[in-house]
Amino acid sequence: MIQQTISTAKYYTLVNLIICSILFGLFNLTNLASILLLKLSILFMVATLAINSFVIIHLVGLAFVHLKERRKLINTCGLVLLNIPFGMLCTYFTAYTIFPPKG
Protein backbone atom coordinates (compact mmCIF):
# COMPACT_ATOMS: atom_id res chain seq x y z
CA MET A 1 0.00 0.00 0.00
CA ILE A 2 2.84 2.41 0.83
CA GLN A 3 4.66 1.82 -2.46
CA GLN A 4 1.41 2.25 -4.38
CA THR A 5 0.71 5.55 -2.61
CA ILE A 6 4.25 6.81 -3.31
CA SER A 7 4.01 5.76 -6.96
CA THR A 8 0.62 7.45 -7.31
CA ALA A 9 1.92 10.69 -5.76
CA LYS A 10 4.96 10.71 -8.08
CA TYR A 11 2.78 9.96 -11.11
CA TYR A 12 0.38 12.75 -10.13
CA THR A 13 3.26 15.20 -9.75
CA LEU A 14 4.61 14.31 -13.18
CA VAL A 15 1.19 14.63 -14.83
CA ASN A 16 0.63 17.94 -13.06
CA LEU A 17 3.95 19.34 -14.29
CA ILE A 18 3.21 18.19 -17.83
CA ILE A 19 -0.25 19.78 -17.84
CA CYS A 20 1.11 23.01 -16.40
CA SER A 21 3.89 23.08 -18.99
CA ILE A 22 1.39 22.46 -21.80
CA LEU A 23 -0.83 25.29 -20.57
CA PHE A 24 2.13 27.62 -20.27
CA GLY A 25 3.53 26.63 -23.66
CA LEU A 26 0.13 26.85 -25.32
CA PHE A 27 -0.25 30.34 -23.99
CA ASN A 28 3.22 31.58 -24.93
CA LEU A 29 3.87 29.76 -28.19
CA THR A 30 0.52 30.61 -29.72
CA ASN A 31 -0.81 34.11 -29.86
CA LEU A 32 -3.80 33.27 -27.73
CA ALA A 33 -3.47 36.02 -25.15
CA SER A 34 -6.93 35.48 -23.82
CA ILE A 35 -8.67 35.78 -20.52
CA LEU A 36 -9.99 32.23 -21.03
CA LEU A 37 -6.48 30.76 -20.77
CA LEU A 38 -5.81 32.87 -17.70
CA LYS A 39 -9.01 31.61 -16.10
CA LEU A 40 -8.08 28.06 -17.06
CA SER A 41 -4.63 28.52 -15.49
CA ILE A 42 -6.11 29.91 -12.28
CA LEU A 43 -8.69 27.11 -12.12
CA PHE A 44 -5.93 24.56 -12.68
CA MET A 45 -3.87 26.18 -9.91
CA VAL A 46 -6.75 26.05 -7.43
CA ALA A 47 -7.48 22.41 -8.29
CA THR A 48 -3.79 21.55 -8.02
CA LEU A 49 -3.54 23.22 -4.63
CA ALA A 50 -6.53 21.25 -3.33
CA ILE A 51 -5.27 17.93 -4.66
CA ASN A 52 -1.70 18.57 -3.47
CA SER A 53 -3.00 19.41 0.00
CA PHE A 54 -4.94 16.15 0.15
CA VAL A 55 -1.95 14.13 -1.09
CA ILE A 56 0.43 15.77 1.40
CA ILE A 57 -1.94 15.22 4.33
CA HIS A 58 -2.32 11.58 3.31
CA LEU A 59 1.45 11.07 2.98
CA VAL A 60 2.18 12.74 6.32
CA GLY A 61 -0.49 10.60 7.98
CA LEU A 62 1.11 7.48 6.55
CA ALA A 63 4.53 8.68 7.72
CA PHE A 64 3.27 8.81 11.31
CA VAL A 65 1.82 5.31 11.09
CA HIS A 66 4.56 3.53 9.11
CA LEU A 67 7.83 4.49 10.76
CA LYS A 68 10.01 2.26 8.56
CA GLU A 69 8.87 4.01 5.39
CA ARG A 70 8.94 7.52 6.86
CA ARG A 71 11.93 8.77 4.87
CA LYS A 72 10.43 7.71 1.53
CA LEU A 73 7.09 9.26 2.42
CA ILE A 74 8.62 12.57 3.53
CA ASN A 75 10.77 12.71 0.35
CA THR A 76 7.62 12.19 -1.71
CA CYS A 77 5.96 15.02 0.26
CA GLY A 78 8.85 17.26 -0.73
CA LEU A 79 8.37 16.34 -4.38
CA VAL A 80 4.67 17.15 -4.20
CA LEU A 81 5.43 20.43 -2.43
CA LEU A 82 7.79 21.46 -5.23
CA ASN A 83 4.85 21.17 -7.58
CA ILE A 84 2.94 24.08 -5.98
CA PRO A 85 5.42 26.90 -6.72
CA PHE A 86 5.82 25.68 -10.29
CA GLY A 87 2.09 25.98 -10.90
CA MET A 88 1.99 29.40 -9.26
CA LEU A 89 4.89 30.55 -11.43
CA CYS A 90 3.14 29.41 -14.60
CA THR A 91 -0.04 31.23 -13.58
CA TYR A 92 1.95 34.36 -12.73
CA PHE A 93 3.73 34.42 -16.09
CA THR A 94 0.44 33.86 -17.89
CA ALA A 95 -1.12 36.81 -16.06
CA TYR A 96 2.03 38.89 -16.63
CA THR A 97 1.80 38.27 -20.36
CA ILE A 98 -1.85 39.34 -20.53
CA PHE A 99 -1.47 42.32 -18.22
CA PRO A 100 2.07 43.68 -18.66
CA PRO A 101 3.16 46.40 -16.24
CA LYS A 102 2.77 49.92 -17.50
CA GLY A 103 5.64 52.25 -17.42
PDB file of N, CA and C in Angstrom:
ATOM      1  N   MET A   1       0.819  -1.187   0.000  1.00  0.00           N
ATOM      2  CA  MET A   1       0.000   0.000   0.000  1.00  0.00           C
ATOM      3  C   MET A   1       0.871   1.263   0.000  1.00  0.00           C
ATOM      4  N   ILE A   2       1.963   1.241   0.751  1.00  0.00           N
ATOM      5  CA  ILE A   2       2.841   2.409   0.832  1.00  0.00           C
ATOM      6  C   ILE A   2       3.475   2.673  -0.525  1.00  0.00           C
ATOM      7  N   GLN A   3       4.004   1.646  -1.164  1.00  0.00           N
ATOM      8  CA  GLN A   3       4.657   1.822  -2.464  1.00  0.00           C
ATOM      9  C   GLN A   3       3.657   2.305  -3.509  1.00  0.00           C
ATOM     10  N   GLN A   4       2.432   1.820  -3.434  1.00  0.00           N
ATOM     11  CA  GLN A   4       1.408   2.247  -4.377  1.00  0.00           C
ATOM     12  C   GLN A   4       1.067   3.725  -4.161  1.00  0.00           C
ATOM     13  N   THR A   5       0.993   4.156  -2.914  1.00  0.00           N
ATOM     14  CA  THR A   5       0.714   5.554  -2.609  1.00  0.00           C
ATOM     15  C   THR A   5       1.854   6.449  -3.086  1.00  0.00           C
ATOM     16  N   ILE A   6       3.092   6.028  -2.858  1.00  0.00           N
ATOM     17  CA  ILE A   6       4.250   6.806  -3.310  1.00  0.00           C
ATOM     18  C   ILE A   6       4.271   6.892  -4.830  1.00  0.00           C
ATOM     19  N   SER A   7       4.030   5.771  -5.490  1.00  0.00           N
ATOM     20  CA  SER A   7       4.009   5.763  -6.959  1.00  0.00           C
ATOM     21  C   SER A   7       2.903   6.657  -7.506  1.00  0.00           C
ATOM     22  N   THR A   8       1.731   6.615  -6.875  1.00  0.00           N
ATOM     23  CA  THR A   8       0.616   7.452  -7.313  1.00  0.00           C
ATOM     24  C   THR A   8       0.940   8.928  -7.138  1.00  0.00           C
ATOM     25  N   ALA A   9       1.561   9.293  -6.014  1.00  0.00           N
ATOM     26  CA  ALA A   9       1.924  10.693  -5.764  1.00  0.00           C
ATOM     27  C   ALA A   9       2.965  11.169  -6.780  1.00  0.00           C
ATOM     28  N   LYS A  10       3.943  10.334  -7.087  1.00  0.00           N
ATOM     29  CA  LYS A  10       4.959  10.713  -8.080  1.00  0.00           C
ATOM     30  C   LYS A  10       4.352  10.829  -9.472  1.00  0.00           C
ATOM     31  N   TYR A  11       3.451   9.915  -9.813  1.00  0.00           N
ATOM     32  CA  TYR A  11       2.779   9.964 -11.105  1.00  0.00           C
ATOM     33  C   TYR A  11       1.926  11.226 -11.204  1.00  0.00           C
ATOM     34  N   TYR A  12       1.206  11.543 -10.145  1.00  0.00           N
ATOM     35  CA  TYR A  12       0.377  12.745 -10.126  1.00  0.00           C
ATOM     36  C   TYR A  12       1.243  13.995 -10.302  1.00  0.00           C
ATOM     37  N   THR A  13       2.366  14.043  -9.634  1.00  0.00           N
ATOM     38  CA  THR A  13       3.260  15.195  -9.752  1.00  0.00           C
ATOM     39  C   THR A  13       3.760  15.352 -11.181  1.00  0.00           C
ATOM     40  N   LEU A  14       4.143  14.263 -11.799  1.00  0.00           N
ATOM     41  CA  LEU A  14       4.614  14.306 -13.184  1.00  0.00           C
ATOM     42  C   LEU A  14       3.514  14.779 -14.126  1.00  0.00           C
ATOM     43  N   VAL A  15       2.314  14.230 -13.979  1.00  0.00           N
ATOM     44  CA  VAL A  15       1.191  14.632 -14.834  1.00  0.00           C
ATOM     45  C   VAL A  15       0.867  16.106 -14.620  1.00  0.00           C
ATOM     46  N   ASN A  16       0.910  16.547 -13.378  1.00  0.00           N
ATOM     47  CA  ASN A  16       0.630  17.936 -13.060  1.00  0.00           C
ATOM     48  C   ASN A  16       1.648  18.870 -13.716  1.00  0.00           C
ATOM     49  N   LEU A  17       2.907  18.527 -13.653  1.00  0.00           N
ATOM     50  CA  LEU A  17       3.946  19.336 -14.287  1.00  0.00           C
ATOM     51  C   LEU A  17       3.785  19.372 -15.807  1.00  0.00           C
ATOM     52  N   ILE A  18       3.407  18.247 -16.385  1.00  0.00           N
ATOM     53  CA  ILE A  18       3.212  18.189 -17.835  1.00  0.00           C
ATOM     54  C   ILE A  18       2.029  19.063 -18.249  1.00  0.00           C
ATOM     55  N   ILE A  19       0.921  18.974 -17.513  1.00  0.00           N
ATOM     56  CA  ILE A  19      -0.251  19.783 -17.842  1.00  0.00           C
ATOM     57  C   ILE A  19       0.060  21.266 -17.686  1.00  0.00           C
ATOM     58  N   CYS A  20       0.751  21.615 -16.622  1.00  0.00           N
ATOM     59  CA  CYS A  20       1.110  23.012 -16.398  1.00  0.00           C
ATOM     60  C   CYS A  20       2.035  23.507 -17.512  1.00  0.00           C
ATOM     61  N   SER A  21       2.977  22.702 -17.910  1.00  0.00           N
ATOM     62  CA  SER A  21       3.890  23.079 -18.993  1.00  0.00           C
ATOM     63  C   SER A  21       3.146  23.234 -20.318  1.00  0.00           C
ATOM     64  N   ILE A  22       2.183  22.360 -20.570  1.00  0.00           N
ATOM     65  CA  ILE A  22       1.395  22.463 -21.797  1.00  0.00           C
ATOM     66  C   ILE A  22       0.578  23.746 -21.796  1.00  0.00           C
ATOM     67  N   LEU A  23      -0.061  24.049 -20.660  1.00  0.00           N
ATOM     68  CA  LEU A  23      -0.831  25.293 -20.573  1.00  0.00           C
ATOM     69  C   LEU A  23       0.068  26.508 -20.799  1.00  0.00           C
ATOM     70  N   PHE A  24       1.199  26.497 -20.154  1.00  0.00           N
ATOM     71  CA  PHE A  24       2.129  27.617 -20.274  1.00  0.00           C
ATOM     72  C   PHE A  24       2.654  27.738 -21.704  1.00  0.00           C
ATOM     73  N   GLY A  25       3.037  26.620 -22.287  1.00  0.00           N
ATOM     74  CA  GLY A  25       3.531  26.626 -23.658  1.00  0.00           C
ATOM     75  C   GLY A  25       2.451  27.008 -24.654  1.00  0.00           C
ATOM     76  N   LEU A  26       1.245  26.509 -24.447  1.00  0.00           N
ATOM     77  CA  LEU A  26       0.135  26.851 -25.322  1.00  0.00           C
ATOM     78  C   LEU A  26      -0.113  28.346 -25.296  1.00  0.00           C
ATOM     79  N   PHE A  27       0.005  28.914 -24.129  1.00  0.00           N
ATOM     80  CA  PHE A  27      -0.246  30.337 -23.991  1.00  0.00           C
ATOM     81  C   PHE A  27       0.855  31.162 -24.638  1.00  0.00           C
ATOM     82  N   ASN A  28       2.098  30.769 -24.447  1.00  0.00           N
ATOM     83  CA  ASN A  28       3.218  31.584 -24.927  1.00  0.00           C
ATOM     84  C   ASN A  28       3.622  31.295 -26.369  1.00  0.00           C
ATOM     85  N   LEU A  29       3.450  30.087 -26.837  1.00  0.00           N
ATOM     86  CA  LEU A  29       3.871  29.757 -28.193  1.00  0.00           C
ATOM     87  C   LEU A  29       2.817  30.101 -29.231  1.00  0.00           C
ATOM     88  N   THR A  30       1.569  30.144 -28.809  1.00  0.00           N
ATOM     89  CA  THR A  30       0.524  30.613 -29.719  1.00  0.00           C
ATOM     90  C   THR A  30       0.212  32.051 -29.332  1.00  0.00           C
ATOM     91  N   ASN A  31      -0.467  32.724 -30.164  1.00  0.00           N
ATOM     92  CA  ASN A  31      -0.810  34.108 -29.862  1.00  0.00           C
ATOM     93  C   ASN A  31      -2.204  34.203 -29.256  1.00  0.00           C
ATOM     94  N   LEU A  32      -2.494  33.292 -28.369  1.00  0.00           N
ATOM     95  CA  LEU A  32      -3.802  33.270 -27.729  1.00  0.00           C
ATOM     96  C   LEU A  32      -3.738  33.979 -26.381  1.00  0.00           C
ATOM     97  N   ALA A  33      -3.502  35.244 -26.394  1.00  0.00           N
ATOM     98  CA  ALA A  33      -3.468  36.023 -25.152  1.00  0.00           C
ATOM     99  C   ALA A  33      -4.904  36.307 -24.740  1.00  0.00           C
ATOM    100  N   SER A  34      -5.526  35.323 -24.158  1.00  0.00           N
ATOM    101  CA  SER A  34      -6.931  35.485 -23.825  1.00  0.00           C
ATOM    102  C   SER A  34      -7.168  35.319 -22.337  1.00  0.00           C
ATOM    103  N   ILE A  35      -8.257  35.890 -21.915  1.00  0.00           N
ATOM    104  CA  ILE A  35      -8.668  35.778 -20.520  1.00  0.00           C
ATOM    105  C   ILE A  35      -9.081  34.335 -20.220  1.00  0.00           C
ATOM    106  N   LEU A  36      -9.581  33.616 -21.234  1.00  0.00           N
ATOM    107  CA  LEU A  36      -9.987  32.229 -21.034  1.00  0.00           C
ATOM    108  C   LEU A  36      -8.818  31.375 -20.572  1.00  0.00           C
ATOM    109  N   LEU A  37      -7.656  31.536 -21.200  1.00  0.00           N
ATOM    110  CA  LEU A  37      -6.481  30.762 -20.774  1.00  0.00           C
ATOM    111  C   LEU A  37      -6.028  31.165 -19.377  1.00  0.00           C
ATOM    112  N   LEU A  38      -6.156  32.433 -19.052  1.00  0.00           N
ATOM    113  CA  LEU A  38      -5.814  32.868 -17.698  1.00  0.00           C
ATOM    114  C   LEU A  38      -6.762  32.246 -16.689  1.00  0.00           C
ATOM    115  N   LYS A  39      -8.038  32.238 -16.995  1.00  0.00           N
ATOM    116  CA  LYS A  39      -9.015  31.609 -16.096  1.00  0.00           C
ATOM    117  C   LYS A  39      -8.748  30.122 -15.975  1.00  0.00           C
ATOM    118  N   LEU A  40      -8.398  29.488 -17.080  1.00  0.00           N
ATOM    119  CA  LEU A  40      -8.078  28.062 -17.058  1.00  0.00           C
ATOM    120  C   LEU A  40      -6.842  27.801 -16.196  1.00  0.00           C
ATOM    121  N   SER A  41      -5.842  28.663 -16.304  1.00  0.00           N
ATOM    122  CA  SER A  41      -4.633  28.518 -15.485  1.00  0.00           C
ATOM    123  C   SER A  41      -4.936  28.691 -14.000  1.00  0.00           C
ATOM    124  N   ILE A  42      -5.758  29.679 -13.684  1.00  0.00           N
ATOM    125  CA  ILE A  42      -6.107  29.908 -12.275  1.00  0.00           C
ATOM    126  C   ILE A  42      -6.936  28.753 -11.738  1.00  0.00           C
ATOM    127  N   LEU A  43      -7.887  28.268 -12.538  1.00  0.00           N
ATOM    128  CA  LEU A  43      -8.689  27.114 -12.116  1.00  0.00           C
ATOM    129  C   LEU A  43      -7.808  25.885 -11.910  1.00  0.00           C
ATOM    130  N   PHE A  44      -6.868  25.683 -12.815  1.00  0.00           N
ATOM    131  CA  PHE A  44      -5.934  24.564 -12.675  1.00  0.00           C
ATOM    132  C   PHE A  44      -5.091  24.705 -11.411  1.00  0.00           C
ATOM    133  N   MET A  45      -4.668  25.941 -11.107  1.00  0.00           N
ATOM    134  CA  MET A  45      -3.866  26.183  -9.911  1.00  0.00           C
ATOM    135  C   MET A  45      -4.654  25.891  -8.639  1.00  0.00           C
ATOM    136  N   VAL A  46      -5.913  26.299  -8.598  1.00  0.00           N
ATOM    137  CA  VAL A  46      -6.753  26.046  -7.427  1.00  0.00           C
ATOM    138  C   VAL A  46      -6.982  24.543  -7.260  1.00  0.00           C
ATOM    139  N   ALA A  47      -7.279  23.856  -8.355  1.00  0.00           N
ATOM    140  CA  ALA A  47      -7.481  22.408  -8.289  1.00  0.00           C
ATOM    141  C   ALA A  47      -6.201  21.700  -7.861  1.00  0.00           C
ATOM    142  N   THR A  48      -5.071  22.139  -8.385  1.00  0.00           N
ATOM    143  CA  THR A  48      -3.785  21.549  -8.016  1.00  0.00           C
ATOM    144  C   THR A  48      -3.488  21.753  -6.539  1.00  0.00           C
ATOM    145  N   LEU A  49      -3.773  22.936  -6.048  1.00  0.00           N
ATOM    146  CA  LEU A  49      -3.542  23.219  -4.631  1.00  0.00           C
ATOM    147  C   LEU A  49      -4.392  22.322  -3.744  1.00  0.00           C
ATOM    148  N   ALA A  50      -5.648  22.119  -4.114  1.00  0.00           N
ATOM    149  CA  ALA A  50      -6.528  21.253  -3.326  1.00  0.00           C
ATOM    150  C   ALA A  50      -6.055  19.804  -3.362  1.00  0.00           C
ATOM    151  N   ILE A  51      -5.710  19.323  -4.539  1.00  0.00           N
ATOM    152  CA  ILE A  51      -5.272  17.930  -4.657  1.00  0.00           C
ATOM    153  C   ILE A  51      -3.923  17.729  -3.967  1.00  0.00           C
ATOM    154  N   ASN A  52      -2.997  18.682  -4.144  1.00  0.00           N
ATOM    155  CA  ASN A  52      -1.700  18.574  -3.470  1.00  0.00           C
ATOM    156  C   ASN A  52      -1.863  18.570  -1.956  1.00  0.00           C
ATOM    157  N   SER A  53      -2.757  19.380  -1.446  1.00  0.00           N
ATOM    158  CA  SER A  53      -2.997  19.409   0.002  1.00  0.00           C
ATOM    159  C   SER A  53      -3.491  18.055   0.499  1.00  0.00           C
ATOM    160  N   PHE A  54      -4.430  17.470  -0.231  1.00  0.00           N
ATOM    161  CA  PHE A  54      -4.940  16.150   0.153  1.00  0.00           C
ATOM    162  C   PHE A  54      -3.828  15.103   0.117  1.00  0.00           C
ATOM    163  N   VAL A  55      -3.023  15.110  -0.946  1.00  0.00           N
ATOM    164  CA  VAL A  55      -1.947  14.127  -1.090  1.00  0.00           C
ATOM    165  C   VAL A  55      -0.922  14.292   0.029  1.00  0.00           C
ATOM    166  N   ILE A  56      -0.564  15.527   0.348  1.00  0.00           N
ATOM    167  CA  ILE A  56       0.428  15.766   1.403  1.00  0.00           C
ATOM    168  C   ILE A  56      -0.095  15.322   2.759  1.00  0.00           C
ATOM    169  N   ILE A  57      -1.345  15.646   3.062  1.00  0.00           N
ATOM    170  CA  ILE A  57      -1.938  15.218   4.333  1.00  0.00           C
ATOM    171  C   ILE A  57      -1.957  13.697   4.425  1.00  0.00           C
ATOM    172  N   HIS A  58      -2.304  13.046   3.325  1.00  0.00           N
ATOM    173  CA  HIS A  58      -2.319  11.578   3.307  1.00  0.00           C
ATOM    174  C   HIS A  58      -0.916  11.002   3.518  1.00  0.00           C
ATOM    175  N   LEU A  59       0.079  11.567   2.842  1.00  0.00           N
ATOM    176  CA  LEU A  59       1.449  11.065   2.979  1.00  0.00           C
ATOM    177  C   LEU A  59       1.998  11.301   4.384  1.00  0.00           C
ATOM    178  N   VAL A  60       1.713  12.461   4.963  1.00  0.00           N
ATOM    179  CA  VAL A  60       2.184  12.737   6.323  1.00  0.00           C
ATOM    180  C   VAL A  60       1.503  11.803   7.319  1.00  0.00           C
ATOM    181  N   GLY A  61       0.213  11.551   7.118  1.00  0.00           N
ATOM    182  CA  GLY A  61      -0.494  10.598   7.980  1.00  0.00           C
ATOM    183  C   GLY A  61       0.116   9.209   7.898  1.00  0.00           C
ATOM    184  N   LEU A  62       0.454   8.782   6.696  1.00  0.00           N
ATOM    185  CA  LEU A  62       1.108   7.480   6.546  1.00  0.00           C
ATOM    186  C   LEU A  62       2.499   7.470   7.180  1.00  0.00           C
ATOM    187  N   ALA A  63       3.189   8.608   7.121  1.00  0.00           N
ATOM    188  CA  ALA A  63       4.531   8.684   7.716  1.00  0.00           C
ATOM    189  C   ALA A  63       4.479   8.524   9.223  1.00  0.00           C
ATOM    190  N   PHE A  64       3.414   8.993   9.862  1.00  0.00           N
ATOM    191  CA  PHE A  64       3.274   8.814  11.307  1.00  0.00           C
ATOM    192  C   PHE A  64       2.944   7.380  11.679  1.00  0.00           C
ATOM    193  N   VAL A  65       2.239   6.680  10.793  1.00  0.00           N
ATOM    194  CA  VAL A  65       1.823   5.308  11.085  1.00  0.00           C
ATOM    195  C   VAL A  65       2.926   4.307  10.740  1.00  0.00           C
ATOM    196  N   HIS A  66       3.544   4.475   9.598  1.00  0.00           N
ATOM    197  CA  HIS A  66       4.556   3.529   9.115  1.00  0.00           C
ATOM    198  C   HIS A  66       5.943   4.142   9.298  1.00  0.00           C
ATOM    199  N   LEU A  67       6.549   3.861  10.413  1.00  0.00           N
ATOM    200  CA  LEU A  67       7.826   4.494  10.758  1.00  0.00           C
ATOM    201  C   LEU A  67       8.980   4.028   9.869  1.00  0.00           C
ATOM    202  N   LYS A  68       8.921   2.781   9.395  1.00  0.00           N
ATOM    203  CA  LYS A  68      10.013   2.262   8.563  1.00  0.00           C
ATOM    204  C   LYS A  68      10.067   2.936   7.195  1.00  0.00           C
ATOM    205  N   GLU A  69       8.948   3.379   6.708  1.00  0.00           N
ATOM    206  CA  GLU A  69       8.870   4.005   5.395  1.00  0.00           C
ATOM    207  C   GLU A  69       8.819   5.527   5.479  1.00  0.00           C
ATOM    208  N   ARG A  70       9.095   6.085   6.642  1.00  0.00           N
ATOM    209  CA  ARG A  70       8.942   7.522   6.861  1.00  0.00           C
ATOM    210  C   ARG A  70       9.799   8.356   5.920  1.00  0.00           C
ATOM    211  N   ARG A  71      11.033   7.975   5.720  1.00  0.00           N
ATOM    212  CA  ARG A  71      11.934   8.767   4.866  1.00  0.00           C
ATOM    213  C   ARG A  71      11.415   8.846   3.427  1.00  0.00           C
ATOM    214  N   LYS A  72      10.966   7.719   2.892  1.00  0.00           N
ATOM    215  CA  LYS A  72      10.433   7.710   1.530  1.00  0.00           C
ATOM    216  C   LYS A  72       9.176   8.581   1.433  1.00  0.00           C
ATOM    217  N   LEU A  73       8.333   8.491   2.437  1.00  0.00           N
ATOM    218  CA  LEU A  73       7.092   9.265   2.419  1.00  0.00           C
ATOM    219  C   LEU A  73       7.353  10.761   2.530  1.00  0.00           C
ATOM    220  N   ILE A  74       8.286  11.151   3.376  1.00  0.00           N
ATOM    221  CA  ILE A  74       8.618  12.569   3.528  1.00  0.00           C
ATOM    222  C   ILE A  74       9.296  13.102   2.258  1.00  0.00           C
ATOM    223  N   ASN A  75      10.153  12.295   1.624  1.00  0.00           N
ATOM    224  CA  ASN A  75      10.765  12.705   0.355  1.00  0.00           C
ATOM    225  C   ASN A  75       9.707  12.914  -0.730  1.00  0.00           C
ATOM    226  N   THR A  76       8.711  12.040  -0.753  1.00  0.00           N
ATOM    227  CA  THR A  76       7.621  12.194  -1.708  1.00  0.00           C
ATOM    228  C   THR A  76       6.812  13.445  -1.400  1.00  0.00           C
ATOM    229  N   CYS A  77       6.630  13.763  -0.117  1.00  0.00           N
ATOM    230  CA  CYS A  77       5.959  15.017   0.262  1.00  0.00           C
ATOM    231  C   CYS A  77       6.725  16.213  -0.289  1.00  0.00           C
ATOM    232  N   GLY A  78       8.032  16.176  -0.200  1.00  0.00           N
ATOM    233  CA  GLY A  78       8.849  17.261  -0.735  1.00  0.00           C
ATOM    234  C   GLY A  78       8.673  17.408  -2.236  1.00  0.00           C
ATOM    235  N   LEU A  79       8.586  16.297  -2.942  1.00  0.00           N
ATOM    236  CA  LEU A  79       8.371  16.337  -4.384  1.00  0.00           C
ATOM    237  C   LEU A  79       7.024  16.959  -4.723  1.00  0.00           C
ATOM    238  N   VAL A  80       6.006  16.591  -3.969  1.00  0.00           N
ATOM    239  CA  VAL A  80       4.673  17.150  -4.199  1.00  0.00           C
ATOM    240  C   VAL A  80       4.654  18.641  -3.852  1.00  0.00           C
ATOM    241  N   LEU A  81       5.371  19.024  -2.810  1.00  0.00           N
ATOM    242  CA  LEU A  81       5.429  20.434  -2.427  1.00  0.00           C
ATOM    243  C   LEU A  81       6.146  21.288  -3.468  1.00  0.00           C
ATOM    244  N   LEU A  82       7.105  20.721  -4.168  1.00  0.00           N
ATOM    245  CA  LEU A  82       7.790  21.460  -5.234  1.00  0.00           C
ATOM    246  C   LEU A  82       6.863  21.767  -6.403  1.00  0.00           C
ATOM    247  N   ASN A  83       5.812  21.012  -6.510  1.00  0.00           N
ATOM    248  CA  ASN A  83       4.851  21.171  -7.579  1.00  0.00           C
ATOM    249  C   ASN A  83       4.047  22.465  -7.439  1.00  0.00           C
ATOM    250  N   ILE A  84       3.788  22.905  -6.218  1.00  0.00           N
ATOM    251  CA  ILE A  84       2.943  24.079  -5.977  1.00  0.00           C
ATOM    252  C   ILE A  84       3.581  25.361  -6.508  1.00  0.00           C
ATOM    253  N   PRO A  85       4.843  25.667  -6.179  1.00  0.00           N
ATOM    254  CA  PRO A  85       5.415  26.901  -6.719  1.00  0.00           C
ATOM    255  C   PRO A  85       5.527  26.909  -8.238  1.00  0.00           C
ATOM    256  N   PHE A  86       5.739  25.758  -8.839  1.00  0.00           N
ATOM    257  CA  PHE A  86       5.825  25.683 -10.289  1.00  0.00           C
ATOM    258  C   PHE A  86       4.501  26.090 -10.925  1.00  0.00           C
ATOM    259  N   GLY A  87       3.402  25.602 -10.392  1.00  0.00           N
ATOM    260  CA  GLY A  87       2.087  25.978 -10.904  1.00  0.00           C
ATOM    261  C   GLY A  87       1.794  27.450 -10.688  1.00  0.00           C
ATOM    262  N   MET A  88       2.198  27.975  -9.532  1.00  0.00           N
ATOM    263  CA  MET A  88       1.993  29.396  -9.259  1.00  0.00           C
ATOM    264  C   MET A  88       2.819  30.255 -10.217  1.00  0.00           C
ATOM    265  N   LEU A  89       4.030  29.817 -10.509  1.00  0.00           N
ATOM    266  CA  LEU A  89       4.888  30.553 -11.425  1.00  0.00           C
ATOM    267  C   LEU A  89       4.294  30.570 -12.837  1.00  0.00           C
ATOM    268  N   CYS A  90       3.769  29.455 -13.280  1.00  0.00           N
ATOM    269  CA  CYS A  90       3.137  29.407 -14.603  1.00  0.00           C
ATOM    270  C   CYS A  90       1.935  30.340 -14.663  1.00  0.00           C
ATOM    271  N   THR A  91       1.123  30.341 -13.614  1.00  0.00           N
ATOM    272  CA  THR A  91      -0.039  31.231 -13.579  1.00  0.00           C
ATOM    273  C   THR A  91       0.398  32.685 -13.551  1.00  0.00           C
ATOM    274  N   TYR A  92       1.450  32.993 -12.798  1.00  0.00           N
ATOM    275  CA  TYR A  92       1.955  34.362 -12.725  1.00  0.00           C
ATOM    276  C   TYR A  92       2.442  34.846 -14.089  1.00  0.00           C
ATOM    277  N   PHE A  93       3.221  34.018 -14.780  1.00  0.00           N
ATOM    278  CA  PHE A  93       3.734  34.424 -16.088  1.00  0.00           C
ATOM    279  C   PHE A  93       2.612  34.569 -17.110  1.00  0.00           C
ATOM    280  N   THR A  94       1.586  33.729 -16.999  1.00  0.00           N
ATOM    281  CA  THR A  94       0.442  33.863 -17.889  1.00  0.00           C
ATOM    282  C   THR A  94      -0.253  35.194 -17.656  1.00  0.00           C
ATOM    283  N   ALA A  95      -0.477  35.541 -16.386  1.00  0.00           N
ATOM    284  CA  ALA A  95      -1.117  36.814 -16.056  1.00  0.00           C
ATOM    285  C   ALA A  95      -0.208  37.983 -16.459  1.00  0.00           C
ATOM    286  N   TYR A  96       1.075  37.835 -16.284  1.00  0.00           N
ATOM    287  CA  TYR A  96       2.032  38.895 -16.633  1.00  0.00           C
ATOM    288  C   TYR A  96       2.030  39.165 -18.137  1.00  0.00           C
ATOM    289  N   THR A  97       1.824  38.108 -18.925  1.00  0.00           N
ATOM    290  CA  THR A  97       1.800  38.271 -20.360  1.00  0.00           C
ATOM    291  C   THR A  97       0.525  38.988 -20.803  1.00  0.00           C
ATOM    292  N   ILE A  98      -0.590  38.681 -20.171  1.00  0.00           N
ATOM    293  CA  ILE A  98      -1.852  39.336 -20.529  1.00  0.00           C
ATOM    294  C   ILE A  98      -1.871  40.784 -20.061  1.00  0.00           C
ATOM    295  N   PHE A  99      -1.443  40.986 -18.824  1.00  0.00           N
ATOM    296  CA  PHE A  99      -1.470  42.322 -18.220  1.00  0.00           C
ATOM    297  C   PHE A  99      -0.049  42.793 -17.919  1.00  0.00           C
ATOM    298  N   PRO A 100       0.700  43.231 -18.932  1.00  0.00           N
ATOM    299  CA  PRO A 100       2.074  43.681 -18.664  1.00  0.00           C
ATOM    300  C   PRO A 100       2.068  44.964 -17.833  1.00  0.00           C
ATOM    301  N   PRO A 101       3.110  45.178 -17.045  1.00  0.00           N
ATOM    302  CA  PRO A 101       3.156  46.397 -16.239  1.00  0.00           C
ATOM    303  C   PRO A 101       3.316  47.617 -17.141  1.00  0.00           C
ATOM    304  N   LYS A 102       2.686  48.672 -16.728  1.00  0.00           N
ATOM    305  CA  LYS A 102       2.767  49.915 -17.504  1.00  0.00           C
ATOM    306  C   LYS A 102       3.908  50.755 -16.975  1.00  0.00           C
ATOM    307  N   GLY A 103       4.602  51.371 -17.882  1.00  0.00           N
ATOM    308  CA  GLY A 103       5.644  52.253 -17.417  1.00  0.00           C
ATOM    309  C   GLY A 103       6.849  52.194 -18.184  1.00  0.00           C
TER     310      GLY A 103
END
